[in-house]
Amino acid sequence: MGFSERDIPAEYSVIVNTPLAFFFTLLFLHINNEVEETSLILFVLTWLALMLSLYV
């Protein structure tokens, strides 16, 4: 971090990032199901959020 000399521990990163990634994956999947005309942007956002949740 640039603001302090302390580093963010890996455990904290996993605790915070994994639920956020799952939330956005579910959000984008829900939006894809509700929209009548599918969008390539929504599919890409869904895929990115899913990949982030798998590799965090």
PDB file of N, CA and C in Angstrom:
ATOM      1  N   MET A   1       0.842  -1.188   0.000  1.00  0.00           N
ATOM      2  CA  MET A   1       0.000   0.000   0.000  1.00  0.00           C
ATOM      3  C   MET A   1       0.880   1.241   0.000  1.00  0.00           C
ATOM      4  N   GLY A   2       0.465   2.240  -0.679  1.00  0.00           N
ATOM      5  CA  GLY A   2       1.240   3.459  -0.754  1.00  0.00           C
ATOM      6  C   GLY A   2       1.013   4.403   0.409  1.00  0.00           C
ATOM      7  N   PHE A   3      -0.079   4.238   1.159  1.00  0.00           N
ATOM      8  CA  PHE A   3      -0.412   5.166   2.221  1.00  0.00           C
ATOM      9  C   PHE A   3       0.205   4.793   3.561  1.00  0.00           C
ATOM     10  N   SER A   4       0.548   3.545   3.738  1.00  0.00           N
ATOM     11  CA  SER A   4       1.149   3.114   4.989  1.00  0.00           C
ATOM     12  C   SER A   4       2.236   2.097   4.697  1.00  0.00           C
ATOM     13  N   GLU A   5       2.991   1.766   5.703  1.00  0.00           N
ATOM     14  CA  GLU A   5       4.073   0.812   5.520  1.00  0.00           C
ATOM     15  C   GLU A   5       3.605  -0.624   5.736  1.00  0.00           C
ATOM     16  N   ARG A   6       2.383  -0.811   6.186  1.00  0.00           N
ATOM     17  CA  ARG A   6       1.860  -2.154   6.440  1.00  0.00           C
ATOM     18  C   ARG A   6       1.325  -2.774   5.159  1.00  0.00           C
ATOM     19  N   ASP A   7       1.526  -4.078   5.031  1.00  0.00           N
ATOM     20  CA  ASP A   7       0.978  -4.825   3.908  1.00  0.00           C
ATOM     21  C   ASP A   7      -0.349  -5.444   4.312  1.00  0.00           C
ATOM     22  N   ILE A   8      -1.187  -5.684   3.308  1.00  0.00           N
ATOM     23  CA  ILE A   8      -2.452  -6.368   3.561  1.00  0.00           C
ATOM     24  C   ILE A   8      -2.169  -7.863   3.580  1.00  0.00           C
ATOM     25  N   PRO A   9      -2.509  -8.557   4.671  1.00  0.00           N
ATOM     26  CA  PRO A   9      -2.251 -10.004   4.717  1.00  0.00           C
ATOM     27  C   PRO A   9      -3.098 -10.758   3.696  1.00  0.00           C
ATOM     28  N   ALA A  10      -2.594 -11.889   3.244  1.00  0.00           N
ATOM     29  CA  ALA A  10      -3.298 -12.695   2.236  1.00  0.00           C
ATOM     30  C   ALA A  10      -4.636 -13.190   2.760  1.00  0.00           C
ATOM     31  N   GLU A  11      -4.714 -13.502   4.052  1.00  0.00           N
ATOM     32  CA  GLU A  11      -5.970 -13.987   4.616  1.00  0.00           C
ATOM     33  C   GLU A  11      -7.059 -12.922   4.526  1.00  0.00           C
ATOM     34  N   TYR A  12      -6.696 -11.679   4.800  1.00  0.00           N
ATOM     35  CA  TYR A  12      -7.665 -10.586   4.713  1.00  0.00           C
ATOM     36  C   TYR A  12      -8.133 -10.405   3.271  1.00  0.00           C
ATOM     37  N   SER A  13      -7.214 -10.520   2.338  1.00  0.00           N
ATOM     38  CA  SER A  13      -7.565 -10.371   0.933  1.00  0.00           C
ATOM     39  C   SER A  13      -8.564 -11.435   0.501  1.00  0.00           C
ATOM     40  N   VAL A  14      -8.344 -12.671   0.920  1.00  0.00           N
ATOM     41  CA  VAL A  14      -9.262 -13.758   0.559  1.00  0.00           C
ATOM     42  C   VAL A  14     -10.617 -13.553   1.218  1.00  0.00           C
ATOM     43  N   ILE A  15     -10.618 -13.139   2.481  1.00  0.00           N
ATOM     44  CA  ILE A  15     -11.870 -12.945   3.211  1.00  0.00           C
ATOM     45  C   ILE A  15     -12.720 -11.859   2.558  1.00  0.00           C
ATOM     46  N   VAL A  16     -12.095 -10.819   2.048  1.00  0.00           N
ATOM     47  CA  VAL A  16     -12.836  -9.701   1.466  1.00  0.00           C
ATOM     48  C   VAL A  16     -13.142  -9.940  -0.009  1.00  0.00           C
ATOM     49  N   ASN A  17     -12.171 -10.403  -0.783  1.00  0.00           N
ATOM     50  CA  ASN A  17     -12.341 -10.486  -2.234  1.00  0.00           C
ATOM     51  C   ASN A  17     -13.247 -11.623  -2.690  1.00  0.00           C
ATOM     52  N   THR A  18     -13.202 -12.758  -2.024  1.00  0.00           N
ATOM     53  CA  THR A  18     -14.000 -13.891  -2.475  1.00  0.00           C
ATOM     54  C   THR A  18     -15.507 -13.622  -2.398  1.00  0.00           C
ATOM     55  N   PRO A  19     -16.042 -13.134  -1.265  1.00  0.00           N
ATOM     56  CA  PRO A  19     -17.480 -12.832  -1.263  1.00  0.00           C
ATOM     57  C   PRO A  19     -17.865 -11.738  -2.261  1.00  0.00           C
ATOM     58  N   LEU A  20     -17.002 -10.753  -2.446  1.00  0.00           N
ATOM     59  CA  LEU A  20     -17.297  -9.703  -3.432  1.00  0.00           C
ATOM     60  C   LEU A  20     -17.344 -10.273  -4.845  1.00  0.00           C
ATOM     61  N   ALA A  21     -16.410 -11.139  -5.168  1.00  0.00           N
ATOM     62  CA  ALA A  21     -16.401 -11.735  -6.506  1.00  0.00           C
ATOM     63  C   ALA A  21     -17.629 -12.606  -6.725  1.00  0.00           C
ATOM     64  N   PHE A  22     -18.010 -13.407  -5.713  1.00  0.00           N
ATOM     65  CA  PHE A  22     -19.220 -14.225  -5.842  1.00  0.00           C
ATOM     66  C   PHE A  22     -20.461 -13.347  -5.966  1.00  0.00           C
ATOM     67  N   PHE A  23     -20.507 -12.252  -5.220  1.00  0.00           N
ATOM     68  CA  PHE A  23     -21.655 -11.351  -5.299  1.00  0.00           C
ATOM     69  C   PHE A  23     -21.803 -10.790  -6.709  1.00  0.00           C
ATOM     70  N   PHE A  24     -20.699 -10.294  -7.278  1.00  0.00           N
ATOM     71  CA  PHE A  24     -20.794  -9.711  -8.611  1.00  0.00           C
ATOM     72  C   PHE A  24     -21.086 -10.771  -9.668  1.00  0.00           C
ATOM     73  N   THR A  25     -20.583 -11.989  -9.480  1.00  0.00           N
ATOM     74  CA  THR A  25     -20.924 -13.065 -10.406  1.00  0.00           C
ATOM     75  C   THR A  25     -22.423 -13.334 -10.383  1.00  0.00           C
ATOM     76  N   LEU A  26     -22.984 -13.459  -9.191  1.00  0.00           N
ATOM     77  CA  LEU A  26     -24.427 -13.697  -9.084  1.00  0.00           C
ATOM     78  C   LEU A  26     -25.233 -12.510  -9.596  1.00  0.00           C
ATOM     79  N   LEU A  27     -24.756 -11.298  -9.340  1.00  0.00           N
ATOM     80  CA  LEU A  27     -25.442 -10.109  -9.833  1.00  0.00           C
ATOM     81  C   LEU A  27     -25.492 -10.099 -11.356  1.00  0.00           C
ATOM     82  N   PHE A  28     -24.344 -10.345 -12.001  1.00  0.00           N
ATOM     83  CA  PHE A  28     -24.325 -10.325 -13.460  1.00  0.00           C
ATOM     84  C   PHE A  28     -25.116 -11.480 -14.057  1.00  0.00           C
ATOM     85  N   LEU A  29     -25.102 -12.654 -13.399  1.00  0.00           N
ATOM     86  CA  LEU A  29     -25.939 -13.752 -13.871  1.00  0.00           C
ATOM     87  C   LEU A  29     -27.417 -13.407 -13.766  1.00  0.00           C
ATOM     88  N   HIS A  30     -27.800 -12.748 -12.685  1.00  0.00           N
ATOM     89  CA  HIS A  30     -29.194 -12.326 -12.519  1.00  0.00           C
ATOM     90  C   HIS A  30     -29.580 -11.301 -13.589  1.00  0.00           C
ATOM     91  N   ILE A  31     -28.700 -10.358 -13.839  1.00  0.00           N
ATOM     92  CA  ILE A  31     -28.989  -9.354 -14.874  1.00  0.00           C
ATOM     93  C   ILE A  31     -29.113 -10.025 -16.232  1.00  0.00           C
ATOM     94  N   ASN A  32     -28.230 -10.990 -16.528  1.00  0.00           N
ATOM     95  CA  ASN A  32     -28.322 -11.710 -17.809  1.00  0.00           C
ATOM     96  C   ASN A  32     -29.650 -12.433 -17.948  1.00  0.00           C
ATOM     97  N   ASN A  33     -30.158 -12.985 -16.861  1.00  0.00           N
ATOM     98  CA  ASN A  33     -31.431 -13.700 -16.921  1.00  0.00           C
ATOM     99  C   ASN A  33     -32.613 -12.752 -17.069  1.00  0.00           C
ATOM    100  N   GLU A  34     -32.530 -11.548 -16.539  1.00  0.00           N
ATOM    101  CA  GLU A  34     -33.647 -10.607 -16.568  1.00  0.00           C
ATOM    102  C   GLU A  34     -33.730  -9.816 -17.872  1.00  0.00           C
ATOM    103  N   VAL A  35     -32.613  -9.624 -18.543  1.00  0.00           N
ATOM    104  CA  VAL A  35     -32.582  -8.802 -19.751  1.00  0.00           C
ATOM    105  C   VAL A  35     -33.098  -9.628 -20.924  1.00  0.00           C
ATOM    106  N   GLU A  36     -33.980  -9.018 -21.719  1.00  0.00           N
ATOM    107  CA  GLU A  36     -34.534  -9.719 -22.870  1.00  0.00           C
ATOM    108  C   GLU A  36     -33.514  -9.852 -23.996  1.00  0.00           C
ATOM    109  N   GLU A  37     -32.746  -8.789 -24.229  1.00  0.00           N
ATOM    110  CA  GLU A  37     -31.711  -8.829 -25.252  1.00  0.00           C
ATOM    111  C   GLU A  37     -30.363  -8.980 -24.560  1.00  0.00           C
ATOM    112  N   THR A  38     -29.713 -10.104 -24.790  1.00  0.00           N
ATOM    113  CA  THR A  38     -28.443 -10.348 -24.112  1.00  0.00           C
ATOM    114  C   THR A  38     -27.362  -9.427 -24.673  1.00  0.00           C
ATOM    115  N   SER A  39     -26.408  -9.120 -23.831  1.00  0.00           N
ATOM    116  CA  SER A  39     -25.349  -8.203 -24.201  1.00  0.00           C
ATOM    117  C   SER A  39     -24.001  -8.893 -24.042  1.00  0.00           C
ATOM    118  N   LEU A  40     -23.121  -8.647 -24.978  1.00  0.00           N
ATOM    119  CA  LEU A  40     -21.777  -9.203 -24.901  1.00  0.00           C
ATOM    120  C   LEU A  40     -21.026  -8.632 -23.700  1.00  0.00           C
ATOM    121  N   ILE A  41     -21.283  -7.380 -23.373  1.00  0.00           N
ATOM    122  CA  ILE A  41     -20.628  -6.745 -22.228  1.00  0.00           C
ATOM    123  C   ILE A  41     -21.022  -7.455 -20.936  1.00  0.00           C
ATOM    124  N   LEU A  42     -22.295  -7.781 -20.772  1.00  0.00           N
ATOM    125  CA  LEU A  42     -22.732  -8.491 -19.571  1.00  0.00           C
ATOM    126  C   LEU A  42     -22.135  -9.888 -19.496  1.00  0.00           C
ATOM    127  N   PHE A  43     -22.028 -10.564 -20.641  1.00  0.00           N
ATOM    128  CA  PHE A  43     -21.400 -11.882 -20.627  1.00  0.00           C
ATOM    129  C   PHE A  43     -19.927 -11.789 -20.236  1.00  0.00           C
ATOM    130  N   VAL A  44     -19.237 -10.781 -20.725  1.00  0.00           N
ATOM    131  CA  VAL A  44     -17.822 -10.598 -20.367  1.00  0.00           C
ATOM    132  C   VAL A  44     -17.688 -10.258 -18.889  1.00  0.00           C
ATOM    133  N   LEU A  45     -18.539  -9.381 -18.376  1.00  0.00           N
ATOM    134  CA  LEU A  45     -18.496  -9.035 -16.955  1.00  0.00           C
ATOM    135  C   LEU A  45     -18.793 -10.249 -16.080  1.00  0.00           C
ATOM    136  N   THR A  46     -19.747 -11.073 -16.501  1.00  0.00           N
ATOM    137  CA  THR A  46     -20.057 -12.293 -15.753  1.00  0.00           C
ATOM    138  C   THR A  46     -18.869 -13.235 -15.749  1.00  0.00           C
ATOM    139  N   TRP A  47     -18.251 -13.413 -16.901  1.00  0.00           N
ATOM    140  CA  TRP A  47     -17.106 -14.301 -16.994  1.00  0.00           C
ATOM    141  C   TRP A  47     -15.937 -13.797 -16.152  1.00  0.00           C
ATOM    142  N   LEU A  48     -15.651 -12.482 -16.217  1.00  0.00           N
ATOM    143  CA  LEU A  48     -14.564 -11.920 -15.419  1.00  0.00           C
ATOM    144  C   LEU A  48     -14.807 -12.065 -13.922  1.00  0.00           C
ATOM    145  N   ALA A  49     -16.027 -11.821 -13.486  1.00  0.00           N
ATOM    146  CA  ALA A  49     -16.328 -11.958 -12.063  1.00  0.00           C
ATOM    147  C   ALA A  49     -16.216 -13.417 -11.620  1.00  0.00           C
ATOM    148  N   LEU A  50     -16.634 -14.345 -12.467  1.00  0.00           N
ATOM    149  CA  LEU A  50     -16.516 -15.759 -12.128  1.00  0.00           C
ATOM    150  C   LEU A  50     -15.047 -16.180 -12.067  1.00  0.00           C
ATOM    151  N   MET A  51     -14.241 -15.732 -13.017  1.00  0.00           N
ATOM    152  CA  MET A  51     -12.810 -16.074 -13.003  1.00  0.00           C
ATOM    153  C   MET A  51     -12.122 -15.477 -11.776  1.00  0.00           C
ATOM    154  N   LEU A  52     -12.507 -14.270 -11.407  1.00  0.00           N
ATOM    155  CA  LEU A  52     -11.924 -13.644 -10.223  1.00  0.00           C
ATOM    156  C   LEU A  52     -12.297 -14.417  -8.982  1.00  0.00           C
ATOM    157  N   SER A  53     -13.537 -14.869  -8.883  1.00  0.00           N
ATOM    158  CA  SER A  53     -13.943 -15.622  -7.695  1.00  0.00           C
ATOM    159  C   SER A  53     -13.266 -16.985  -7.617  1.00  0.00           C
ATOM    160  N   LEU A  54     -12.906 -17.547  -8.765  1.00  0.00           N
ATOM    161  CA  LEU A  54     -12.241 -18.846  -8.752  1.00  0.00           C
ATOM    162  C   LEU A  54     -10.757 -18.738  -8.397  1.00  0.00           C
ATOM    163  N   TYR A  55     -10.118 -17.654  -8.787  1.00  0.00           N
ATOM    164  CA  TYR A  55      -8.677 -17.540  -8.622  1.00  0.00           C
ATOM    165  C   TYR A  55      -8.228 -16.623  -7.499  1.00  0.00           C
ATOM    166  N   VAL A  56      -9.155 -16.087  -6.730  1.00  0.00           N
ATOM    167  CA  VAL A  56      -8.759 -15.219  -5.598  1.00  0.00           C
ATOM    168  C   VAL A  56      -8.272 -16.070  -4.470  1.00  0.00           C
TER     169      VAL A  56
END
